[in-house]
Amino acid sequence: SLYSQPEQLAALQNSINRLFLILPAVVFGLCLLSTFKIEKKYSRYGLRSTAVEREDKITLQKAVKVLTASRQTGLFFSFLLVMTISLFMQEPVMEPYGGEVFGMSVAETTRLNAYWGVGTLIGLSSTGFLVVPRIGKQKTTKLGCFLVAFSFVLVILSGFTANQQLLRSALFCFGLASGVTTTGAISLMLDLTAAETAGTFIGAWGLAQAISRGVATVSGGAILDVGKRIFPQVVMAYSLVFAIQALGMLLAVWFLSRVNVREFQRNAKQAIAAVLESDLD
């Protein structure tokens, strides 16, 4: 065993430590290199903004006023919150689901992540080219949400039938649907962002996702514990988690149906104009 050979273990640890120091530095350097002078060359800020040459006039306080000027901001924030919670509640319970319901080993349950991970990668890489141009950003996001809900139905069905192959297929479908949903939501997110206060809007959307990721992890385990107290069969407890996720996706679609990009852009433009006019008074 490697642990019985301390010298080799120490050498391996040193190599890994160097890797974790060098690799982030290389990635960071590549990020800087790939974006160097891109902003001024390709930015459409001068065309989109009503405050060109006056960027310093949009302060944090005024940006917040613009952020709260449209009810669409709250609707999209709620959509992101519900969608992300419903998407990631399965993370803390999926591997125990494979072990307790299907009798899988630790290695087998760990490999479950690969199925939805590969599906997500395919969904992310193909949706922007194949789906969004054909049906639009909002419809793409709705389609992804419906597909995620359907995937959780398959996950529940696989538990009641103890069909491991169905579980793997359902997780792959879930990954594809997650990729579709994420791509559509990110594309829509950019439409719901005003050029003058882009940092504020992107920060708001990022905050919604960060909050919901934490809530999803905690609530997934909590709902599972509640389910185990209520139901005598462990598969029912896990099904409760997945059923709530499916219902959450349908609720996210309801919020998304109320989002109006044109109304948002109109209200944001008026709010920015009002802020700039107040500076001239």
C-alpha atoms as a PDB file:
ATOM      1  CA  SER A   1       0.000   0.000   0.000  1.00  0.00           C
ATOM      2  CA  LEU A   2       1.116   3.545  -0.697  1.00  0.00           C
ATOM      3  CA  TYR A   3       0.411   4.532   2.914  1.00  0.00           C
ATOM      4  CA  SER A   4       3.016   2.024   4.125  1.00  0.00           C
ATOM      5  CA  GLN A   5       5.695   3.820   2.073  1.00  0.00           C
ATOM      6  CA  PRO A   6       6.002   7.313   3.594  1.00  0.00           C
ATOM      7  CA  GLU A   7       8.757   8.459   1.237  1.00  0.00           C
ATOM      8  CA  GLN A   8       6.720   7.752  -1.886  1.00  0.00           C
ATOM      9  CA  LEU A   9       3.640   9.286  -0.269  1.00  0.00           C
ATOM     10  CA  ALA A  10       5.564  12.463   0.549  1.00  0.00           C
ATOM     11  CA  ALA A  11       6.854  12.670  -3.031  1.00  0.00           C
ATOM     12  CA  LEU A  12       3.323  12.228  -4.373  1.00  0.00           C
ATOM     13  CA  GLN A  13       1.997  14.939  -2.058  1.00  0.00           C
ATOM     14  CA  ASN A  14       4.709  17.351  -3.210  1.00  0.00           C
ATOM     15  CA  SER A  15       3.835  16.673  -6.852  1.00  0.00           C
ATOM     16  CA  ILE A  16       0.134  17.228  -6.206  1.00  0.00           C
ATOM     17  CA  ASN A  17       0.851  20.445  -4.281  1.00  0.00           C
ATOM     18  CA  ARG A  18       2.909  21.780  -7.188  1.00  0.00           C
ATOM     19  CA  LEU A  19       0.120  20.841  -9.582  1.00  0.00           C
ATOM     20  CA  PHE A  20      -2.440  22.771  -7.535  1.00  0.00           C
ATOM     21  CA  LEU A  21      -0.159  25.808  -7.522  1.00  0.00           C
ATOM     22  CA  ILE A  22       0.827  25.753 -11.188  1.00  0.00           C
ATOM     23  CA  LEU A  23      -2.480  24.790 -12.809  1.00  0.00           C
ATOM     24  CA  PRO A  24      -4.586  27.679 -11.379  1.00  0.00           C
ATOM     25  CA  ALA A  25      -1.825  30.117 -12.352  1.00  0.00           C
ATOM     26  CA  VAL A  26      -1.816  28.765 -15.916  1.00  0.00           C
ATOM     27  CA  VAL A  27      -5.618  28.954 -16.165  1.00  0.00           C
ATOM     28  CA  PHE A  28      -5.645  32.504 -14.773  1.00  0.00           C
ATOM     29  CA  GLY A  29      -2.941  33.535 -17.236  1.00  0.00           C
ATOM     30  CA  LEU A  30      -4.865  32.039 -20.150  1.00  0.00           C
ATOM     31  CA  CYS A  31      -8.003  33.906 -19.043  1.00  0.00           C
ATOM     32  CA  LEU A  32      -6.118  37.212 -19.040  1.00  0.00           C
ATOM     33  CA  LEU A  33      -4.529  36.464 -22.405  1.00  0.00           C
ATOM     34  CA  SER A  34      -7.828  35.445 -24.029  1.00  0.00           C
ATOM     35  CA  THR A  35      -9.653  38.603 -22.884  1.00  0.00           C
ATOM     36  CA  PHE A  36      -6.833  41.136 -23.373  1.00  0.00           C
ATOM     37  CA  LYS A  37      -8.165  44.176 -25.290  1.00  0.00           C
ATOM     38  CA  ILE A  38     -11.329  42.284 -26.205  1.00  0.00           C
ATOM     39  CA  GLU A  39     -13.604  44.676 -24.293  1.00  0.00           C
ATOM     40  CA  LYS A  40     -12.867  47.813 -26.288  1.00  0.00           C
ATOM     41  CA  LYS A  41     -12.619  46.031 -29.619  1.00  0.00           C
ATOM     42  CA  TYR A  42     -15.904  44.139 -29.512  1.00  0.00           C
ATOM     43  CA  SER A  43     -17.990  45.927 -26.877  1.00  0.00           C
ATOM     44  CA  ARG A  44     -21.308  47.367 -28.032  1.00  0.00           C
ATOM     45  CA  TYR A  45     -21.615  49.528 -24.934  1.00  0.00           C
ATOM     46  CA  GLY A  46     -21.445  52.722 -26.984  1.00  0.00           C
ATOM     47  CA  LEU A  47     -24.362  51.568 -29.115  1.00  0.00           C
ATOM     48  CA  ARG A  48     -26.529  50.182 -26.319  1.00  0.00           C
ATOM     49  CA  SER A  49     -25.855  52.674 -23.562  1.00  0.00           C
ATOM     50  CA  THR A  50     -27.648  55.968 -22.976  1.00  0.00           C
ATOM     51  CA  ALA A  51     -24.808  56.995 -20.688  1.00  0.00           C
ATOM     52  CA  VAL A  52     -21.812  56.641 -23.011  1.00  0.00           C
ATOM     53  CA  GLU A  53     -18.831  58.710 -21.860  1.00  0.00           C
ATOM     54  CA  ARG A  54     -20.588  59.047 -18.473  1.00  0.00           C
ATOM     55  CA  GLU A  55     -19.913  55.702 -16.862  1.00  0.00           C
ATOM     56  CA  ASP A  56     -18.804  57.348 -13.634  1.00  0.00           C
ATOM     57  CA  LYS A  57     -22.267  58.809 -13.171  1.00  0.00           C
ATOM     58  CA  ILE A  58     -23.822  55.376 -12.514  1.00  0.00           C
ATOM     59  CA  THR A  59     -22.967  54.917  -8.856  1.00  0.00           C
ATOM     60  CA  LEU A  60     -23.854  51.879  -6.739  1.00  0.00           C
ATOM     61  CA  GLN A  61     -26.830  53.633  -5.143  1.00  0.00           C
ATOM     62  CA  LYS A  62     -28.198  54.661  -8.530  1.00  0.00           C
ATOM     63  CA  ALA A  63     -27.557  51.219  -9.968  1.00  0.00           C
ATOM     64  CA  VAL A  64     -29.678  49.697  -7.194  1.00  0.00           C
ATOM     65  CA  LYS A  65     -32.498  52.086  -8.124  1.00  0.00           C
ATOM     66  CA  VAL A  66     -32.306  50.814 -11.681  1.00  0.00           C
ATOM     67  CA  LEU A  67     -32.215  47.226 -10.392  1.00  0.00           C
ATOM     68  CA  THR A  68     -35.510  47.706  -8.532  1.00  0.00           C
ATOM     69  CA  ALA A  69     -37.197  49.753 -11.254  1.00  0.00           C
ATOM     70  CA  SER A  70     -38.875  46.792 -12.949  1.00  0.00           C
ATOM     71  CA  ARG A  71     -40.964  44.001 -11.469  1.00  0.00           C
ATOM     72  CA  GLN A  72     -39.339  41.764 -14.079  1.00  0.00           C
ATOM     73  CA  THR A  73     -36.144  41.797 -12.027  1.00  0.00           C
ATOM     74  CA  GLY A  74     -37.938  40.202  -9.084  1.00  0.00           C
ATOM     75  CA  LEU A  75     -39.672  37.666 -11.310  1.00  0.00           C
ATOM     76  CA  PHE A  76     -36.456  36.543 -12.963  1.00  0.00           C
ATOM     77  CA  PHE A  77     -34.655  36.484  -9.602  1.00  0.00           C
ATOM     78  CA  SER A  78     -37.430  34.224  -8.260  1.00  0.00           C
ATOM     79  CA  PHE A  79     -37.188  32.018 -11.335  1.00  0.00           C
ATOM     80  CA  LEU A  80     -33.430  31.588 -10.914  1.00  0.00           C
ATOM     81  CA  LEU A  81     -33.881  30.840  -7.210  1.00  0.00           C
ATOM     82  CA  VAL A  82     -36.557  28.167  -7.706  1.00  0.00           C
ATOM     83  CA  MET A  83     -34.908  26.686 -10.803  1.00  0.00           C
ATOM     84  CA  THR A  84     -31.476  26.311  -9.224  1.00  0.00           C
ATOM     85  CA  ILE A  85     -32.838  24.867  -5.964  1.00  0.00           C
ATOM     86  CA  SER A  86     -34.901  22.342  -7.928  1.00  0.00           C
ATOM     87  CA  LEU A  87     -31.905  21.479 -10.080  1.00  0.00           C
ATOM     88  CA  PHE A  88     -29.410  20.764  -7.305  1.00  0.00           C
ATOM     89  CA  MET A  89     -31.440  19.255  -4.456  1.00  0.00           C
ATOM     90  CA  GLN A  90     -30.496  15.833  -5.814  1.00  0.00           C
ATOM     91  CA  GLU A  91     -26.751  16.343  -5.280  1.00  0.00           C
ATOM     92  CA  PRO A  92     -26.551  15.297  -1.599  1.00  0.00           C
ATOM     93  CA  VAL A  93     -29.010  12.402  -1.968  1.00  0.00           C
ATOM     94  CA  MET A  94     -28.244  10.779  -5.325  1.00  0.00           C
ATOM     95  CA  GLU A  95     -25.305   8.645  -4.189  1.00  0.00           C
ATOM     96  CA  PRO A  96     -27.105   7.434  -1.024  1.00  0.00           C
ATOM     97  CA  TYR A  97     -30.099   6.718  -3.285  1.00  0.00           C
ATOM     98  CA  GLY A  98     -27.991   4.347  -5.358  1.00  0.00           C
ATOM     99  CA  GLY A  99     -26.605   2.661  -2.263  1.00  0.00           C
ATOM    100  CA  GLU A 100     -29.775   2.276  -0.182  1.00  0.00           C
ATOM    101  CA  VAL A 101     -32.323   1.621  -2.920  1.00  0.00           C
ATOM    102  CA  PHE A 102     -30.268  -0.201  -5.553  1.00  0.00           C
ATOM    103  CA  GLY A 103     -27.626  -1.799  -3.310  1.00  0.00           C
ATOM    104  CA  MET A 104     -24.775  -0.252  -5.292  1.00  0.00           C
ATOM    105  CA  SER A 105     -21.203  -0.143  -4.006  1.00  0.00           C
ATOM    106  CA  VAL A 106     -19.454   3.158  -3.256  1.00  0.00           C
ATOM    107  CA  ALA A 107     -17.601   2.981  -6.576  1.00  0.00           C
ATOM    108  CA  GLU A 108     -20.854   2.424  -8.480  1.00  0.00           C
ATOM    109  CA  THR A 109     -22.683   5.279  -6.775  1.00  0.00           C
ATOM    110  CA  THR A 110     -19.754   7.604  -7.435  1.00  0.00           C
ATOM    111  CA  ARG A 111     -19.939   6.773 -11.137  1.00  0.00           C
ATOM    112  CA  LEU A 112     -23.559   7.953 -11.199  1.00  0.00           C
ATOM    113  CA  ASN A 113     -22.229  11.519 -11.281  1.00  0.00           C
ATOM    114  CA  ALA A 114     -20.524  10.744 -14.573  1.00  0.00           C
ATOM    115  CA  TYR A 115     -23.827  10.031 -16.333  1.00  0.00           C
ATOM    116  CA  TRP A 116     -25.461  13.351 -15.580  1.00  0.00           C
ATOM    117  CA  GLY A 117     -22.115  15.149 -15.880  1.00  0.00           C
ATOM    118  CA  VAL A 118     -21.596  13.917 -19.450  1.00  0.00           C
ATOM    119  CA  GLY A 119     -25.216  14.732 -20.264  1.00  0.00           C
ATOM    120  CA  THR A 120     -24.784  18.248 -18.897  1.00  0.00           C
ATOM    121  CA  LEU A 121     -21.648  18.776 -20.962  1.00  0.00           C
ATOM    122  CA  ILE A 122     -23.426  17.669 -24.145  1.00  0.00           C
ATOM    123  CA  GLY A 123     -26.440  19.833 -23.331  1.00  0.00           C
ATOM    124  CA  LEU A 124     -24.346  22.913 -22.621  1.00  0.00           C
ATOM    125  CA  SER A 125     -22.219  22.538 -25.730  1.00  0.00           C
ATOM    126  CA  SER A 126     -25.054  21.865 -28.191  1.00  0.00           C
ATOM    127  CA  THR A 127     -28.039  23.907 -26.995  1.00  0.00           C
ATOM    128  CA  GLY A 128     -26.616  27.278 -27.999  1.00  0.00           C
ATOM    129  CA  PHE A 129     -26.137  26.086 -31.573  1.00  0.00           C
ATOM    130  CA  LEU A 130     -29.046  23.699 -32.105  1.00  0.00           C
ATOM    131  CA  VAL A 131     -31.927  24.781 -29.878  1.00  0.00           C
ATOM    132  CA  VAL A 132     -31.753  28.479 -28.951  1.00  0.00           C
ATOM    133  CA  PRO A 133     -31.537  29.788 -32.560  1.00  0.00           C
ATOM    134  CA  ARG A 134     -34.588  27.721 -33.521  1.00  0.00           C
ATOM    135  CA  ILE A 135     -37.073  28.303 -30.697  1.00  0.00           C
ATOM    136  CA  GLY A 136     -35.644  31.264 -28.764  1.00  0.00           C
ATOM    137  CA  LYS A 137     -34.115  31.711 -25.325  1.00  0.00           C
ATOM    138  CA  GLN A 138     -37.265  31.717 -23.194  1.00  0.00           C
ATOM    139  CA  LYS A 139     -38.801  28.679 -24.882  1.00  0.00           C
ATOM    140  CA  THR A 140     -35.479  26.851 -24.632  1.00  0.00           C
ATOM    141  CA  THR A 141     -35.389  27.459 -20.894  1.00  0.00           C
ATOM    142  CA  LYS A 142     -38.984  26.270 -20.494  1.00  0.00           C
ATOM    143  CA  LEU A 143     -38.239  23.162 -22.529  1.00  0.00           C
ATOM    144  CA  GLY A 144     -35.251  22.410 -20.306  1.00  0.00           C
ATOM    145  CA  CYS A 145     -37.330  22.803 -17.144  1.00  0.00           C
ATOM    146  CA  PHE A 146     -40.003  20.419 -18.434  1.00  0.00           C
ATOM    147  CA  LEU A 147     -37.344  17.885 -19.429  1.00  0.00           C
ATOM    148  CA  VAL A 148     -35.747  18.095 -15.982  1.00  0.00           C
ATOM    149  CA  ALA A 149     -39.121  17.427 -14.357  1.00  0.00           C
ATOM    150  CA  PHE A 150     -39.644  14.433 -16.667  1.00  0.00           C
ATOM    151  CA  SER A 151     -36.163  13.131 -15.806  1.00  0.00           C
ATOM    152  CA  PHE A 152     -37.018  13.113 -12.118  1.00  0.00           C
ATOM    153  CA  VAL A 153     -40.144  11.099 -12.890  1.00  0.00           C
ATOM    154  CA  LEU A 154     -37.856   8.515 -14.538  1.00  0.00           C
ATOM    155  CA  VAL A 155     -35.532   8.588 -11.520  1.00  0.00           C
ATOM    156  CA  ILE A 156     -38.488   7.856  -9.218  1.00  0.00           C
ATOM    157  CA  LEU A 157     -39.725   5.086 -11.517  1.00  0.00           C
ATOM    158  CA  SER A 158     -36.275   3.479 -11.565  1.00  0.00           C
ATOM    159  CA  GLY A 159     -36.348   3.293  -7.782  1.00  0.00           C
ATOM    160  CA  PHE A 160     -39.686   1.517  -7.620  1.00  0.00           C
ATOM    161  CA  THR A 161     -38.595  -0.956 -10.299  1.00  0.00           C
ATOM    162  CA  ALA A 162     -35.023  -1.299  -8.927  1.00  0.00           C
ATOM    163  CA  ASN A 163     -33.794  -0.891 -12.499  1.00  0.00           C
ATOM    164  CA  GLN A 164     -30.200   0.355 -12.458  1.00  0.00           C
ATOM    165  CA  GLN A 165     -30.048   0.840 -16.214  1.00  0.00           C
ATOM    166  CA  LEU A 166     -33.151   3.025 -16.106  1.00  0.00           C
ATOM    167  CA  LEU A 167     -31.535   5.086 -13.344  1.00  0.00           C
ATOM    168  CA  ARG A 168     -28.395   5.631 -15.413  1.00  0.00           C
ATOM    169  CA  SER A 169     -30.460   6.579 -18.468  1.00  0.00           C
ATOM    170  CA  ALA A 170     -32.594   8.939 -16.371  1.00  0.00           C
ATOM    171  CA  LEU A 171     -29.483  10.642 -14.992  1.00  0.00           C
ATOM    172  CA  PHE A 172     -28.075  11.081 -18.484  1.00  0.00           C
ATOM    173  CA  CYS A 173     -31.396  12.637 -19.572  1.00  0.00           C
ATOM    174  CA  PHE A 174     -31.298  14.819 -16.471  1.00  0.00           C
ATOM    175  CA  GLY A 175     -27.828  16.020 -17.458  1.00  0.00           C
ATOM    176  CA  LEU A 176     -28.972  16.866 -20.987  1.00  0.00           C
ATOM    177  CA  ALA A 177     -32.000  18.717 -19.622  1.00  0.00           C
ATOM    178  CA  SER A 178     -29.821  20.579 -17.111  1.00  0.00           C
ATOM    179  CA  GLY A 179     -27.553  21.716 -19.941  1.00  0.00           C
ATOM    180  CA  VAL A 180     -30.521  22.946 -21.957  1.00  0.00           C
ATOM    181  CA  THR A 181     -31.985  24.779 -18.959  1.00  0.00           C
ATOM    182  CA  THR A 182     -28.689  26.357 -17.947  1.00  0.00           C
ATOM    183  CA  THR A 183     -27.859  27.559 -21.463  1.00  0.00           C
ATOM    184  CA  GLY A 184     -31.304  29.062 -21.932  1.00  0.00           C
ATOM    185  CA  ALA A 185     -31.235  30.757 -18.527  1.00  0.00           C
ATOM    186  CA  ILE A 186     -27.790  32.260 -19.086  1.00  0.00           C
ATOM    187  CA  SER A 187     -28.798  33.546 -22.524  1.00  0.00           C
ATOM    188  CA  LEU A 188     -31.946  35.059 -21.051  1.00  0.00           C
ATOM    189  CA  MET A 189     -29.933  36.495 -18.180  1.00  0.00           C
ATOM    190  CA  LEU A 190     -27.912  38.595 -20.632  1.00  0.00           C
ATOM    191  CA  ASP A 191     -31.112  40.040 -22.124  1.00  0.00           C
ATOM    192  CA  LEU A 192     -32.253  40.982 -18.620  1.00  0.00           C
ATOM    193  CA  THR A 193     -29.161  43.107 -18.012  1.00  0.00           C
ATOM    194  CA  ALA A 194     -28.785  46.819 -18.668  1.00  0.00           C
ATOM    195  CA  ALA A 195     -25.447  47.874 -20.159  1.00  0.00           C
ATOM    196  CA  GLU A 196     -24.935  50.781 -17.756  1.00  0.00           C
ATOM    197  CA  THR A 197     -25.480  48.641 -14.637  1.00  0.00           C
ATOM    198  CA  ALA A 198     -24.301  45.281 -15.930  1.00  0.00           C
ATOM    199  CA  GLY A 199     -22.289  44.588 -12.780  1.00  0.00           C
ATOM    200  CA  THR A 200     -25.330  45.092 -10.561  1.00  0.00           C
ATOM    201  CA  PHE A 201     -27.600  42.852 -12.622  1.00  0.00           C
ATOM    202  CA  ILE A 202     -25.042  40.087 -13.093  1.00  0.00           C
ATOM    203  CA  GLY A 203     -24.331  40.314  -9.355  1.00  0.00           C
ATOM    204  CA  ALA A 204     -28.051  39.929  -8.594  1.00  0.00           C
ATOM    205  CA  TRP A 205     -28.338  36.881 -10.835  1.00  0.00           C
ATOM    206  CA  GLY A 206     -25.181  35.405  -9.334  1.00  0.00           C
ATOM    207  CA  LEU A 207     -26.530  36.036  -5.834  1.00  0.00           C
ATOM    208  CA  ALA A 208     -29.732  34.163  -6.682  1.00  0.00           C
ATOM    209  CA  GLN A 209     -27.744  31.163  -7.865  1.00  0.00           C
ATOM    210  CA  ALA A 210     -25.332  31.214  -4.916  1.00  0.00           C
ATOM    211  CA  ILE A 211     -28.162  31.358  -2.362  1.00  0.00           C
ATOM    212  CA  SER A 212     -30.110  28.617  -4.093  1.00  0.00           C
ATOM    213  CA  ARG A 213     -27.117  26.265  -4.343  1.00  0.00           C
ATOM    214  CA  GLY A 214     -26.664  26.442  -0.574  1.00  0.00           C
ATOM    215  CA  VAL A 215     -30.380  26.081   0.101  1.00  0.00           C
ATOM    216  CA  ALA A 216     -30.583  23.120  -2.302  1.00  0.00           C
ATOM    217  CA  THR A 217     -27.838  21.192  -0.515  1.00  0.00           C
ATOM    218  CA  VAL A 218     -29.364  21.710   2.923  1.00  0.00           C
ATOM    219  CA  SER A 219     -32.990  21.198   1.884  1.00  0.00           C
ATOM    220  CA  GLY A 220     -32.247  18.029  -0.091  1.00  0.00           C
ATOM    221  CA  GLY A 221     -30.889  16.273   2.993  1.00  0.00           C
ATOM    222  CA  ALA A 222     -33.558  17.753   5.262  1.00  0.00           C
ATOM    223  CA  ILE A 223     -36.431  16.611   3.046  1.00  0.00           C
ATOM    224  CA  LEU A 224     -34.896  13.141   2.855  1.00  0.00           C
ATOM    225  CA  ASP A 225     -34.775  12.944   6.665  1.00  0.00           C
ATOM    226  CA  VAL A 226     -38.400  14.048   6.895  1.00  0.00           C
ATOM    227  CA  GLY A 227     -39.364  11.473   4.273  1.00  0.00           C
ATOM    228  CA  LYS A 228     -37.656   8.676   6.205  1.00  0.00           C
ATOM    229  CA  ARG A 229     -39.673   9.612   9.284  1.00  0.00           C
ATOM    230  CA  ILE A 230     -42.949   9.683   7.347  1.00  0.00           C
ATOM    231  CA  PHE A 231     -42.654   6.703   5.019  1.00  0.00           C
ATOM    232  CA  PRO A 232     -41.798   3.127   6.011  1.00  0.00           C
ATOM    233  CA  GLN A 233     -40.059   2.444   2.681  1.00  0.00           C
ATOM    234  CA  VAL A 234     -36.777   4.207   1.966  1.00  0.00           C
ATOM    235  CA  VAL A 235     -37.593   4.502  -1.748  1.00  0.00           C
ATOM    236  CA  MET A 236     -40.603   6.640  -0.834  1.00  0.00           C
ATOM    237  CA  ALA A 237     -38.384   9.026   1.146  1.00  0.00           C
ATOM    238  CA  TYR A 238     -36.064   9.529  -1.807  1.00  0.00           C
ATOM    239  CA  SER A 239     -39.005   9.837  -4.168  1.00  0.00           C
ATOM    240  CA  LEU A 240     -40.310  12.697  -2.035  1.00  0.00           C
ATOM    241  CA  VAL A 241     -37.106  14.663  -2.737  1.00  0.00           C
ATOM    242  CA  PHE A 242     -37.264  14.036  -6.476  1.00  0.00           C
ATOM    243  CA  ALA A 243     -41.001  14.770  -6.641  1.00  0.00           C
ATOM    244  CA  ILE A 244     -40.467  18.146  -4.942  1.00  0.00           C
ATOM    245  CA  GLN A 245     -37.726  18.894  -7.459  1.00  0.00           C
ATOM    246  CA  ALA A 246     -40.068  18.098 -10.347  1.00  0.00           C
ATOM    247  CA  LEU A 247     -42.782  20.335  -8.861  1.00  0.00           C
ATOM    248  CA  GLY A 248     -40.189  23.044  -8.302  1.00  0.00           C
ATOM    249  CA  MET A 249     -39.303  22.969 -11.983  1.00  0.00           C
ATOM    250  CA  LEU A 250     -42.968  23.452 -12.892  1.00  0.00           C
ATOM    251  CA  LEU A 251     -43.104  26.407 -10.494  1.00  0.00           C
ATOM    252  CA  ALA A 252     -39.988  27.822 -12.165  1.00  0.00           C
ATOM    253  CA  VAL A 253     -41.778  27.601 -15.533  1.00  0.00           C
ATOM    254  CA  TRP A 254     -44.665  29.597 -14.041  1.00  0.00           C
ATOM    255  CA  PHE A 255     -42.295  32.367 -12.947  1.00  0.00           C
ATOM    256  CA  LEU A 256     -40.561  32.295 -16.327  1.00  0.00           C
ATOM    257  CA  SER A 257     -43.890  32.628 -18.148  1.00  0.00           C
ATOM    258  CA  ARG A 258     -44.406  35.965 -16.399  1.00  0.00           C
ATOM    259  CA  VAL A 259     -40.994  37.328 -17.436  1.00  0.00           C
ATOM    260  CA  ASN A 260     -41.220  39.952 -20.208  1.00  0.00           C
ATOM    261  CA  VAL A 261     -37.861  40.989 -21.654  1.00  0.00           C
ATOM    262  CA  ARG A 262     -39.259  43.997 -23.523  1.00  0.00           C
ATOM    263  CA  GLU A 263     -40.944  45.348 -20.407  1.00  0.00           C
ATOM    264  CA  PHE A 264     -37.704  44.940 -18.472  1.00  0.00           C
ATOM    265  CA  GLN A 265     -35.629  46.752 -21.098  1.00  0.00           C
ATOM    266  CA  ARG A 266     -38.177  49.570 -21.342  1.00  0.00           C
ATOM    267  CA  ASN A 267     -38.364  50.092 -17.562  1.00  0.00           C
ATOM    268  CA  ALA A 268     -34.600  49.831 -17.112  1.00  0.00           C
ATOM    269  CA  LYS A 269     -34.004  52.374 -19.881  1.00  0.00           C
ATOM    270  CA  GLN A 270     -36.473  54.801 -18.304  1.00  0.00           C
ATOM    271  CA  ALA A 271     -34.913  54.356 -14.872  1.00  0.00           C
ATOM    272  CA  ILE A 272     -31.404  54.971 -16.222  1.00  0.00           C
ATOM    273  CA  ALA A 273     -32.606  58.066 -18.063  1.00  0.00           C
ATOM    274  CA  ALA A 274     -34.215  59.355 -14.865  1.00  0.00           C
ATOM    275  CA  VAL A 275     -30.978  58.807 -12.942  1.00  0.00           C
ATOM    276  CA  LEU A 276     -28.957  60.707 -15.530  1.00  0.00           C
ATOM    277  CA  GLU A 277     -31.475  63.527 -15.685  1.00  0.00           C
ATOM    278  CA  SER A 278     -31.280  63.938 -11.908  1.00  0.00           C
ATOM    279  CA  ASP A 279     -27.528  64.503 -12.266  1.00  0.00           C
ATOM    280  CA  LEU A 280     -28.165  67.390 -14.653  1.00  0.00           C
ATOM    281  CA  ASP A 281     -30.658  69.118 -12.362  1.00  0.00           C
END
